[in-house]
Amino acid sequence: MAHTVGRTALRAQERLAALAAVGVRPGGRRHPLVAALMVLPLAAVLAFVFGGVGAVAEQASSVARTLGH
């Protein structure tokens, strides 16, 4: 019985280490950078499909003109 408890604890630590390597915290929450990396590709595709890329470029150029660059 004592050997089983030790192995179970070791497996739990290994699982936590594997999840931490991916960016998942023990409470089930992801690190903010991992979450951003998961969302950004979808956001880029949606922006391209619905024409958001042109709007962002237009806004950036407008801001650049306003700042005098």
PDB file of N, CA and C in Angstrom:
ATOM      1  N   MET A   1       0.812  -1.193   0.000  1.00  0.00           N
ATOM      2  CA  MET A   1       0.000   0.000   0.000  1.00  0.00           C
ATOM      3  C   MET A   1       0.857   1.260   0.000  1.00  0.00           C
ATOM      4  N   ALA A   2       1.941   1.245   0.747  1.00  0.00           N
ATOM      5  CA  ALA A   2       2.802   2.420   0.832  1.00  0.00           C
ATOM      6  C   ALA A   2       3.442   2.727  -0.510  1.00  0.00           C
ATOM      7  N   HIS A   3       3.734   1.695  -1.288  1.00  0.00           N
ATOM      8  CA  HIS A   3       4.332   1.919  -2.603  1.00  0.00           C
ATOM      9  C   HIS A   3       3.340   2.571  -3.559  1.00  0.00           C
ATOM     10  N   THR A   4       2.088   2.230  -3.430  1.00  0.00           N
ATOM     11  CA  THR A   4       1.061   2.809  -4.297  1.00  0.00           C
ATOM     12  C   THR A   4       0.910   4.305  -4.037  1.00  0.00           C
ATOM     13  N   VAL A   5       0.929   4.696  -2.792  1.00  0.00           N
ATOM     14  CA  VAL A   5       0.782   6.114  -2.447  1.00  0.00           C
ATOM     15  C   VAL A   5       1.948   6.913  -3.012  1.00  0.00           C
ATOM     16  N   GLY A   6       3.147   6.381  -2.915  1.00  0.00           N
ATOM     17  CA  GLY A   6       4.320   7.071  -3.445  1.00  0.00           C
ATOM     18  C   GLY A   6       4.257   7.244  -4.946  1.00  0.00           C
ATOM     19  N   ARG A   7       3.840   6.186  -5.644  1.00  0.00           N
ATOM     20  CA  ARG A   7       3.739   6.275  -7.108  1.00  0.00           C
ATOM     21  C   ARG A   7       2.648   7.239  -7.523  1.00  0.00           C
ATOM     22  N   THR A   8       1.539   7.248  -6.804  1.00  0.00           N
ATOM     23  CA  THR A   8       0.442   8.160  -7.135  1.00  0.00           C
ATOM     24  C   THR A   8       0.883   9.612  -6.969  1.00  0.00           C
ATOM     25  N   ALA A   9       1.603   9.882  -5.893  1.00  0.00           N
ATOM     26  CA  ALA A   9       2.098  11.240  -5.666  1.00  0.00           C
ATOM     27  C   ALA A   9       3.095  11.633  -6.750  1.00  0.00           C
ATOM     28  N   LEU A  10       3.946  10.691  -7.148  1.00  0.00           N
ATOM     29  CA  LEU A  10       4.924  10.969  -8.201  1.00  0.00           C
ATOM     30  C   LEU A  10       4.226  11.256  -9.528  1.00  0.00           C
ATOM     31  N   ARG A  11       3.206  10.473  -9.846  1.00  0.00           N
ATOM     32  CA  ARG A  11       2.460  10.706 -11.092  1.00  0.00           C
ATOM     33  C   ARG A  11       1.757  12.057 -11.076  1.00  0.00           C
ATOM     34  N   ALA A  12       1.223  12.433  -9.927  1.00  0.00           N
ATOM     35  CA  ALA A  12       0.559  13.736  -9.810  1.00  0.00           C
ATOM     36  C   ALA A  12       1.551  14.867 -10.042  1.00  0.00           C
ATOM     37  N   GLN A  13       2.751  14.721  -9.492  1.00  0.00           N
ATOM     38  CA  GLN A  13       3.780  15.744  -9.716  1.00  0.00           C
ATOM     39  C   GLN A  13       4.195  15.790 -11.174  1.00  0.00           C
ATOM     40  N   GLU A  14       4.292  14.633 -11.825  1.00  0.00           N
ATOM     41  CA  GLU A  14       4.655  14.600 -13.243  1.00  0.00           C
ATOM     42  C   GLU A  14       3.580  15.260 -14.094  1.00  0.00           C
ATOM     43  N   ARG A  15       2.305  15.014 -13.756  1.00  0.00           N
ATOM     44  CA  ARG A  15       1.215  15.658 -14.498  1.00  0.00           C
ATOM     45  C   ARG A  15       1.257  17.167 -14.337  1.00  0.00           C
ATOM     46  N   LEU A  16       1.491  17.634 -13.111  1.00  0.00           N
ATOM     47  CA  LEU A  16       1.575  19.074 -12.884  1.00  0.00           C
ATOM     48  C   LEU A  16       2.738  19.684 -13.649  1.00  0.00           C
ATOM     49  N   ALA A  17       3.866  18.985 -13.700  1.00  0.00           N
ATOM     50  CA  ALA A  17       5.024  19.486 -14.446  1.00  0.00           C
ATOM     51  C   ALA A  17       4.712  19.550 -15.931  1.00  0.00           C
ATOM     52  N   ALA A  18       4.018  18.527 -16.455  1.00  0.00           N
ATOM     53  CA  ALA A  18       3.665  18.521 -17.879  1.00  0.00           C
ATOM     54  C   ALA A  18       2.693  19.652 -18.198  1.00  0.00           C
ATOM     55  N   LEU A  19       1.726  19.870 -17.326  1.00  0.00           N
ATOM     56  CA  LEU A  19       0.781  20.963 -17.550  1.00  0.00           C
ATOM     57  C   LEU A  19       1.465  22.313 -17.449  1.00  0.00           C
ATOM     58  N   ALA A  20       2.389  22.454 -16.511  1.00  0.00           N
ATOM     59  CA  ALA A  20       3.118  23.712 -16.365  1.00  0.00           C
ATOM     60  C   ALA A  20       3.961  23.996 -17.599  1.00  0.00           C
ATOM     61  N   ALA A  21       4.485  22.943 -18.231  1.00  0.00           N
ATOM     62  CA  ALA A  21       5.287  23.136 -19.441  1.00  0.00           C
ATOM     63  C   ALA A  21       4.436  23.699 -20.572  1.00  0.00           C
ATOM     64  N   VAL A  22       3.151  23.372 -20.589  1.00  0.00           N
ATOM     65  CA  VAL A  22       2.250  23.881 -21.617  1.00  0.00           C
ATOM     66  C   VAL A  22       1.694  25.243 -21.237  1.00  0.00           C
ATOM     67  N   GLY A  23       1.782  25.597 -19.960  1.00  0.00           N
ATOM     68  CA  GLY A  23       1.299  26.890 -19.519  1.00  0.00           C
ATOM     69  C   GLY A  23       0.023  26.832 -18.711  1.00  0.00           C
ATOM     70  N   VAL A  24      -0.436  25.623 -18.342  1.00  0.00           N
ATOM     71  CA  VAL A  24      -1.645  25.492 -17.546  1.00  0.00           C
ATOM     72  C   VAL A  24      -1.262  25.487 -16.078  1.00  0.00           C
ATOM     73  N   ARG A  25      -1.923  26.300 -15.294  1.00  0.00           N
ATOM     74  CA  ARG A  25      -1.639  26.386 -13.863  1.00  0.00           C
ATOM     75  C   ARG A  25      -2.429  25.319 -13.117  1.00  0.00           C
ATOM     76  N   PRO A  26      -2.005  24.973 -11.908  1.00  0.00           N
ATOM     77  CA  PRO A  26      -2.683  23.914 -11.150  1.00  0.00           C
ATOM     78  C   PRO A  26      -4.179  24.152 -10.945  1.00  0.00           C
ATOM     79  N   GLY A  27      -4.607  25.378 -10.849  1.00  0.00           N
ATOM     80  CA  GLY A  27      -6.016  25.672 -10.664  1.00  0.00           C
ATOM     81  C   GLY A  27      -6.832  25.535 -11.932  1.00  0.00           C
ATOM     82  N   GLY A  28      -6.200  25.134 -13.035  1.00  0.00           N
ATOM     83  CA  GLY A  28      -6.907  24.984 -14.297  1.00  0.00           C
ATOM     84  C   GLY A  28      -6.847  26.221 -15.167  1.00  0.00           C
ATOM     85  N   ARG A  29      -6.153  27.257 -14.707  1.00  0.00           N
ATOM     86  CA  ARG A  29      -6.046  28.490 -15.490  1.00  0.00           C
ATOM     87  C   ARG A  29      -4.762  28.473 -16.303  1.00  0.00           C
ATOM     88  N   ARG A  30      -4.802  29.056 -17.497  1.00  0.00           N
ATOM     89  CA  ARG A  30      -3.620  29.155 -18.349  1.00  0.00           C
ATOM     90  C   ARG A  30      -2.887  30.451 -18.057  1.00  0.00           C
ATOM     91  N   HIS A  31      -1.607  30.439 -18.359  1.00  0.00           N
ATOM     92  CA  HIS A  31      -0.819  31.668 -18.282  1.00  0.00           C
ATOM     93  C   HIS A  31      -1.359  32.625 -19.340  1.00  0.00           C
ATOM     94  N   PRO A  32      -1.414  33.910 -19.063  1.00  0.00           N
ATOM     95  CA  PRO A  32      -1.978  34.864 -20.035  1.00  0.00           C
ATOM     96  C   PRO A  32      -1.290  34.839 -21.401  1.00  0.00           C
ATOM     97  N   LEU A  33       0.015  34.627 -21.433  1.00  0.00           N
ATOM     98  CA  LEU A  33       0.703  34.579 -22.729  1.00  0.00           C
ATOM     99  C   LEU A  33       0.301  33.345 -23.525  1.00  0.00           C
ATOM    100  N   VAL A  34       0.104  32.231 -22.855  1.00  0.00           N
ATOM    101  CA  VAL A  34      -0.345  31.015 -23.541  1.00  0.00           C
ATOM    102  C   VAL A  34      -1.743  31.226 -24.098  1.00  0.00           C
ATOM    103  N   ALA A  35      -2.605  31.840 -23.303  1.00  0.00           N
ATOM    104  CA  ALA A  35      -3.963  32.116 -23.772  1.00  0.00           C
ATOM    105  C   ALA A  35      -3.939  33.044 -24.985  1.00  0.00           C
ATOM    106  N   ALA A  36      -3.080  34.051 -24.957  1.00  0.00           N
ATOM    107  CA  ALA A  36      -2.978  34.972 -26.096  1.00  0.00           C
ATOM    108  C   ALA A  36      -2.470  34.250 -27.339  1.00  0.00           C
ATOM    109  N   LEU A  37      -1.491  33.370 -27.166  1.00  0.00           N
ATOM    110  CA  LEU A  37      -0.970  32.620 -28.314  1.00  0.00           C
ATOM    111  C   LEU A  37      -2.011  31.676 -28.890  1.00  0.00           C
ATOM    112  N   MET A  38      -2.934  31.224 -28.082  1.00  0.00           N
ATOM    113  CA  MET A  38      -3.989  30.360 -28.584  1.00  0.00           C
ATOM    114  C   MET A  38      -5.046  31.159 -29.349  1.00  0.00           C
ATOM    115  N   VAL A  39      -5.280  32.378 -28.951  1.00  0.00           N
ATOM    116  CA  VAL A  39      -6.359  33.174 -29.532  1.00  0.00           C
ATOM    117  C   VAL A  39      -5.909  33.956 -30.771  1.00  0.00           C
ATOM    118  N   LEU A  40      -4.664  34.405 -30.793  1.00  0.00           N
ATOM    119  CA  LEU A  40      -4.213  35.284 -31.876  1.00  0.00           C
ATOM    120  C   LEU A  40      -4.357  34.703 -33.281  1.00  0.00           C
ATOM    121  N   PRO A  41      -4.045  33.430 -33.534  1.00  0.00           N
ATOM    122  CA  PRO A  41      -4.242  32.916 -34.905  1.00  0.00           C
ATOM    123  C   PRO A  41      -5.695  33.002 -35.367  1.00  0.00           C
ATOM    124  N   LEU A  42      -6.630  32.655 -34.502  1.00  0.00           N
ATOM    125  CA  LEU A  42      -8.041  32.755 -34.869  1.00  0.00           C
ATOM    126  C   LEU A  42      -8.438  34.212 -35.091  1.00  0.00           C
ATOM    127  N   ALA A  43      -7.960  35.094 -34.247  1.00  0.00           N
ATOM    128  CA  ALA A  43      -8.273  36.512 -34.412  1.00  0.00           C
ATOM    129  C   ALA A  43      -7.731  37.043 -35.737  1.00  0.00           C
ATOM    130  N   ALA A  44      -6.530  36.602 -36.106  1.00  0.00           N
ATOM    131  CA  ALA A  44      -5.947  37.049 -37.377  1.00  0.00           C
ATOM    132  C   ALA A  44      -6.769  36.552 -38.563  1.00  0.00           C
ATOM    133  N   VAL A  45      -7.199  35.302 -38.514  1.00  0.00           N
ATOM    134  CA  VAL A  45      -8.011  34.754 -39.611  1.00  0.00           C
ATOM    135  C   VAL A  45      -9.333  35.494 -39.712  1.00  0.00           C
ATOM    136  N   LEU A  46      -9.987  35.719 -38.583  1.00  0.00           N
ATOM    137  CA  LEU A  46     -11.261  36.440 -38.618  1.00  0.00           C
ATOM    138  C   LEU A  46     -11.096  37.876 -39.107  1.00  0.00           C
ATOM    139  N   ALA A  47     -10.016  38.525 -38.702  1.00  0.00           N
ATOM    140  CA  ALA A  47      -9.770  39.894 -39.162  1.00  0.00           C
ATOM    141  C   ALA A  47      -9.549  39.920 -40.663  1.00  0.00           C
ATOM    142  N   PHE A  48      -8.828  38.938 -41.177  1.00  0.00           N
ATOM    143  CA  PHE A  48      -8.570  38.883 -42.617  1.00  0.00           C
ATOM    144  C   PHE A  48      -9.855  38.600 -43.388  1.00  0.00           C
ATOM    145  N   VAL A  49     -10.636  37.636 -42.905  1.00  0.00           N
ATOM    146  CA  VAL A  49     -11.861  37.243 -43.602  1.00  0.00           C
ATOM    147  C   VAL A  49     -12.882  38.367 -43.631  1.00  0.00           C
ATOM    148  N   PHE A  50     -13.025  39.085 -42.529  1.00  0.00           N
ATOM    149  CA  PHE A  50     -14.041  40.120 -42.453  1.00  0.00           C
ATOM    150  C   PHE A  50     -13.518  41.522 -42.737  1.00  0.00           C
ATOM    151  N   GLY A  51     -12.298  41.642 -43.241  1.00  0.00           N
ATOM    152  CA  GLY A  51     -11.787  42.932 -43.659  1.00  0.00           C
ATOM    153  C   GLY A  51     -11.227  43.791 -42.551  1.00  0.00           C
ATOM    154  N   GLY A  52     -10.940  43.229 -41.418  1.00  0.00           N
ATOM    155  CA  GLY A  52     -10.412  44.003 -40.302  1.00  0.00           C
ATOM    156  C   GLY A  52      -8.987  44.452 -40.512  1.00  0.00           C
ATOM    157  N   VAL A  53      -8.237  43.738 -41.359  1.00  0.00           N
ATOM    158  CA  VAL A  53      -6.839  44.092 -41.594  1.00  0.00           C
ATOM    159  C   VAL A  53      -6.750  45.464 -42.249  1.00  0.00           C
ATOM    160  N   GLY A  54      -7.592  45.720 -43.211  1.00  0.00           N
ATOM    161  CA  GLY A  54      -7.598  47.026 -43.878  1.00  0.00           C
ATOM    162  C   GLY A  54      -7.982  48.144 -42.930  1.00  0.00           C
ATOM    163  N   ALA A  55      -8.941  47.887 -42.061  1.00  0.00           N
ATOM    164  CA  ALA A  55      -9.361  48.907 -41.103  1.00  0.00           C
ATOM    165  C   ALA A  55      -8.245  49.235 -40.126  1.00  0.00           C
ATOM    166  N   VAL A  56      -7.532  48.216 -39.662  1.00  0.00           N
ATOM    167  CA  VAL A  56      -6.419  48.454 -38.740  1.00  0.00           C
ATOM    168  C   VAL A  56      -5.308  49.228 -39.436  1.00  0.00           C
ATOM    169  N   ALA A  57      -5.004  48.875 -40.675  1.00  0.00           N
ATOM    170  CA  ALA A  57      -3.963  49.589 -41.421  1.00  0.00           C
ATOM    171  C   ALA A  57      -4.365  51.047 -41.638  1.00  0.00           C
ATOM    172  N   GLU A  58      -5.629  51.279 -41.937  1.00  0.00           N
ATOM    173  CA  GLU A  58      -6.106  52.650 -42.137  1.00  0.00           C
ATOM    174  C   GLU A  58      -6.013  53.450 -40.847  1.00  0.00           C
ATOM    175  N   GLN A  59      -6.383  52.849 -39.723  1.00  0.00           N
ATOM    176  CA  GLN A  59      -6.294  53.543 -38.444  1.00  0.00           C
ATOM    177  C   GLN A  59      -4.840  53.845 -38.079  1.00  0.00           C
ATOM    178  N   ALA A  60      -3.944  52.882 -38.339  1.00  0.00           N
ATOM    179  CA  ALA A  60      -2.529  53.086 -38.028  1.00  0.00           C
ATOM    180  C   ALA A  60      -1.960  54.224 -38.850  1.00  0.00           C
ATOM    181  N   SER A  61      -2.299  54.278 -40.133  1.00  0.00           N
ATOM    182  CA  SER A  61      -1.779  55.355 -40.964  1.00  0.00           C
ATOM    183  C   SER A  61      -2.363  56.705 -40.531  1.00  0.00           C
ATOM    184  N   SER A  62      -3.626  56.708 -40.114  1.00  0.00           N
ATOM    185  CA  SER A  62      -4.233  57.929 -39.620  1.00  0.00           C
ATOM    186  C   SER A  62      -3.540  58.441 -38.365  1.00  0.00           C
ATOM    187  N   VAL A  63      -3.255  57.537 -37.462  1.00  0.00           N
ATOM    188  CA  VAL A  63      -2.543  57.917 -36.234  1.00  0.00           C
ATOM    189  C   VAL A  63      -1.145  58.408 -36.559  1.00  0.00           C
ATOM    190  N   ALA A  64      -0.474  57.753 -37.498  1.00  0.00           N
ATOM    191  CA  ALA A  64       0.877  58.176 -37.886  1.00  0.00           C
ATOM    192  C   ALA A  64       0.843  59.577 -38.486  1.00  0.00           C
ATOM    193  N   ARG A  65      -0.156  59.858 -39.324  1.00  0.00           N
ATOM    194  CA  ARG A  65      -0.284  61.213 -39.894  1.00  0.00           C
ATOM    195  C   ARG A  65      -0.554  62.238 -38.808  1.00  0.00           C
ATOM    196  N   THR A  66      -1.382  61.876 -37.841  1.00  0.00           N
ATOM    197  CA  THR A  66      -1.709  62.789 -36.745  1.00  0.00           C
ATOM    198  C   THR A  66      -0.471  63.111 -35.920  1.00  0.00           C
ATOM    199  N   LEU A  67       0.375  62.105 -35.705  1.00  0.00           N
ATOM    200  CA  LEU A  67       1.593  62.318 -34.932  1.00  0.00           C
ATOM    201  C   LEU A  67       2.687  62.997 -35.751  1.00  0.00           C
ATOM    202  N   GLY A  68       2.482  63.111 -37.059  1.00  0.00           N
ATOM    203  CA  GLY A  68       3.439  63.810 -37.895  1.00  0.00           C
ATOM    204  C   GLY A  68       4.589  62.968 -38.399  1.00  0.00           C
ATOM    205  N   HIS A  69       4.405  61.690 -38.467  1.00  0.00           N
ATOM    206  CA  HIS A  69       5.479  60.820 -38.966  1.00  0.00           C
ATOM    207  C   HIS A  69       5.206  60.446 -40.380  1.00  0.00           C
TER     208      HIS A  69
END
